[in-house]
Amino acid sequence: IRKKVDPSKFMTPYIAHSQKMQDLFSPNKYKEKFEKTKGQPYASTTDTPELRRIKKV
């Protein structure tokens, strides 16, 4: 006969961190984010010396 166990007793900082990382890096969320941004153009936010030179001309 199995007894119900309170899972909060086993929630160590390591397990909490690992669950958070699983949520952040889950393949489903990654693919969902990719599908949202698929049609949008790439936005370059860095202002390189070459771009600054081109803007001056």
N, C-alpha and C. Protein backbone atom coordinates (compact mmCIF):
# COMPACT_ATOMS: atom_id res chain seq x y z
N ILE A 1 0.86 -1.18 0.00
CA ILE A 1 0.00 0.00 0.00
C ILE A 1 0.90 1.24 0.00
N ARG A 2 0.61 2.14 -0.92
CA ARG A 2 1.40 3.37 -1.02
C ARG A 2 0.70 4.50 -0.30
N LYS A 3 1.49 5.31 0.34
CA LYS A 3 0.96 6.49 1.01
C LYS A 3 1.29 7.72 0.17
N LYS A 4 0.43 8.73 0.26
CA LYS A 4 0.72 9.98 -0.45
C LYS A 4 1.86 10.70 0.25
N VAL A 5 2.78 11.19 -0.54
CA VAL A 5 3.95 11.89 0.00
C VAL A 5 3.86 13.35 -0.41
N ASP A 6 4.17 14.23 0.52
CA ASP A 6 4.15 15.67 0.24
C ASP A 6 5.40 16.02 -0.57
N PRO A 7 5.24 16.43 -1.85
CA PRO A 7 6.41 16.70 -2.69
C PRO A 7 7.20 17.93 -2.24
N SER A 8 6.58 18.82 -1.47
CA SER A 8 7.30 20.03 -1.05
C SER A 8 8.46 19.69 -0.12
N LYS A 9 8.43 18.53 0.51
CA LYS A 9 9.52 18.13 1.40
C LYS A 9 10.79 17.83 0.60
N PHE A 10 10.64 17.46 -0.66
CA PHE A 10 11.79 17.11 -1.49
C PHE A 10 12.23 18.26 -2.39
N MET A 11 11.57 19.42 -2.29
CA MET A 11 11.88 20.54 -3.17
C MET A 11 13.14 21.25 -2.67
N THR A 12 14.28 20.79 -3.16
CA THR A 12 15.55 21.41 -2.80
C THR A 12 15.82 22.55 -3.78
N PRO A 13 16.74 23.45 -3.46
CA PRO A 13 17.08 24.52 -4.42
C PRO A 13 17.53 23.96 -5.76
N TYR A 14 18.23 22.84 -5.74
CA TYR A 14 18.70 22.23 -6.98
C TYR A 14 17.53 21.78 -7.84
N ILE A 15 16.56 21.13 -7.25
CA ILE A 15 15.39 20.64 -8.00
C ILE A 15 14.56 21.82 -8.50
N ALA A 16 14.40 22.85 -7.67
CA ALA A 16 13.64 24.03 -8.09
C ALA A 16 14.32 24.69 -9.28
N HIS A 17 15.65 24.80 -9.23
CA HIS A 17 16.39 25.41 -10.33
C HIS A 17 16.27 24.57 -11.59
N SER A 18 16.36 23.27 -11.44
CA SER A 18 16.28 22.40 -12.60
C SER A 18 14.90 22.44 -13.24
N GLN A 19 13.85 22.57 -12.46
CA GLN A 19 12.51 22.71 -13.03
C GLN A 19 12.36 24.03 -13.77
N LYS A 20 12.94 25.09 -13.21
CA LYS A 20 12.89 26.40 -13.86
C LYS A 20 13.62 26.34 -15.21
N MET A 21 14.77 25.70 -15.25
CA MET A 21 15.54 25.59 -16.49
C MET A 21 14.79 24.74 -17.52
N GLN A 22 14.10 23.71 -17.07
CA GLN A 22 13.31 22.89 -18.00
C GLN A 22 12.21 23.73 -18.63
N ASP A 23 11.58 24.60 -17.84
CA ASP A 23 10.54 25.47 -18.38
C ASP A 23 11.12 26.47 -19.37
N LEU A 24 12.28 27.04 -19.03
CA LEU A 24 12.88 28.05 -19.91
C LEU A 24 13.35 27.47 -21.23
N PHE A 25 13.91 26.27 -21.19
CA PHE A 25 14.53 25.70 -22.38
C PHE A 25 13.78 24.52 -22.97
N SER A 26 12.49 24.46 -22.72
CA SER A 26 11.73 23.33 -23.27
C SER A 26 11.63 23.47 -24.79
N PRO A 27 11.74 22.36 -25.51
CA PRO A 27 11.68 22.41 -26.98
C PRO A 27 10.37 22.99 -27.49
N ASN A 28 9.27 22.73 -26.80
CA ASN A 28 7.98 23.25 -27.27
C ASN A 28 7.95 24.77 -27.21
N LYS A 29 8.44 25.35 -26.13
CA LYS A 29 8.45 26.81 -26.02
C LYS A 29 9.42 27.41 -27.03
N TYR A 30 10.55 26.74 -27.26
CA TYR A 30 11.52 27.23 -28.24
C TYR A 30 10.89 27.26 -29.62
N LYS A 31 10.21 26.18 -30.00
CA LYS A 31 9.57 26.12 -31.32
C LYS A 31 8.45 27.14 -31.43
N GLU A 32 7.70 27.34 -30.34
CA GLU A 32 6.61 28.31 -30.34
C GLU A 32 7.16 29.72 -30.55
N LYS A 33 8.25 30.04 -29.88
CA LYS A 33 8.86 31.36 -30.03
C LYS A 33 9.40 31.53 -31.45
N PHE A 34 9.96 30.46 -32.01
CA PHE A 34 10.48 30.50 -33.38
C PHE A 34 9.35 30.76 -34.37
N GLU A 35 8.22 30.08 -34.20
CA GLU A 35 7.08 30.26 -35.10
C GLU A 35 6.56 31.69 -35.05
N LYS A 36 6.58 32.32 -33.88
CA LYS A 36 6.11 33.70 -33.75
C LYS A 36 7.01 34.66 -34.51
N THR A 37 8.32 34.44 -34.46
CA THR A 37 9.26 35.38 -35.07
C THR A 37 9.70 34.98 -36.47
N LYS A 38 9.12 33.93 -37.03
CA LYS A 38 9.59 33.40 -38.31
C LYS A 38 9.45 34.42 -39.45
N GLY A 39 8.36 35.13 -39.56
CA GLY A 39 8.16 36.02 -40.69
C GLY A 39 8.73 37.41 -40.51
N GLN A 40 9.25 37.71 -39.34
CA GLN A 40 9.75 39.05 -39.07
C GLN A 40 11.19 39.19 -39.56
N PRO A 41 11.55 40.39 -40.04
CA PRO A 41 12.92 40.59 -40.51
C PRO A 41 13.89 40.65 -39.33
N TYR A 42 15.13 40.33 -39.59
CA TYR A 42 16.17 40.37 -38.57
C TYR A 42 16.46 41.82 -38.21
N ALA A 43 16.47 42.14 -36.94
CA ALA A 43 16.72 43.51 -36.49
C ALA A 43 18.14 43.59 -35.94
N SER A 44 18.96 44.39 -36.59
CA SER A 44 20.33 44.58 -36.12
C SER A 44 20.37 45.82 -35.25
N THR A 45 20.73 45.66 -34.01
CA THR A 45 20.75 46.80 -33.09
C THR A 45 22.15 47.33 -32.86
N THR A 46 23.16 46.62 -33.31
CA THR A 46 24.52 47.09 -33.08
C THR A 46 24.88 48.15 -34.10
N ASP A 47 25.55 49.17 -33.65
CA ASP A 47 25.98 50.25 -34.53
C ASP A 47 27.48 50.08 -34.77
N THR A 48 27.82 49.35 -35.80
CA THR A 48 29.23 49.06 -36.08
C THR A 48 29.90 50.27 -36.71
N PRO A 49 31.22 50.33 -36.66
CA PRO A 49 31.93 51.44 -37.31
C PRO A 49 31.61 51.55 -38.80
N GLU A 50 31.41 50.41 -39.44
CA GLU A 50 31.09 50.42 -40.87
C GLU A 50 29.74 51.08 -41.12
N LEU A 51 28.74 50.75 -40.30
CA LEU A 51 27.42 51.36 -40.46
C LEU A 51 27.47 52.86 -40.19
N ARG A 52 28.24 53.29 -39.19
CA ARG A 52 28.36 54.72 -38.91
C ARG A 52 29.00 55.45 -40.09
N ARG A 53 29.99 54.83 -40.73
CA ARG A 53 30.65 55.44 -41.89
C ARG A 53 29.67 55.55 -43.05
N ILE A 54 28.85 54.53 -43.26
CA ILE A 54 27.88 54.54 -44.36
C ILE A 54 26.83 55.62 -44.13
N LYS A 55 26.40 55.80 -42.89
CA LYS A 55 25.39 56.81 -42.58
C LYS A 55 25.90 58.21 -42.84
N LYS A 56 27.22 58.44 -42.63
CA LYS A 56 27.80 59.76 -42.86
C LYS A 56 27.80 60.12 -44.33
N VAL A 57 27.95 59.15 -45.21
CA VAL A 57 28.06 59.39 -46.65
C VAL A 57 26.74 59.69 -47.27
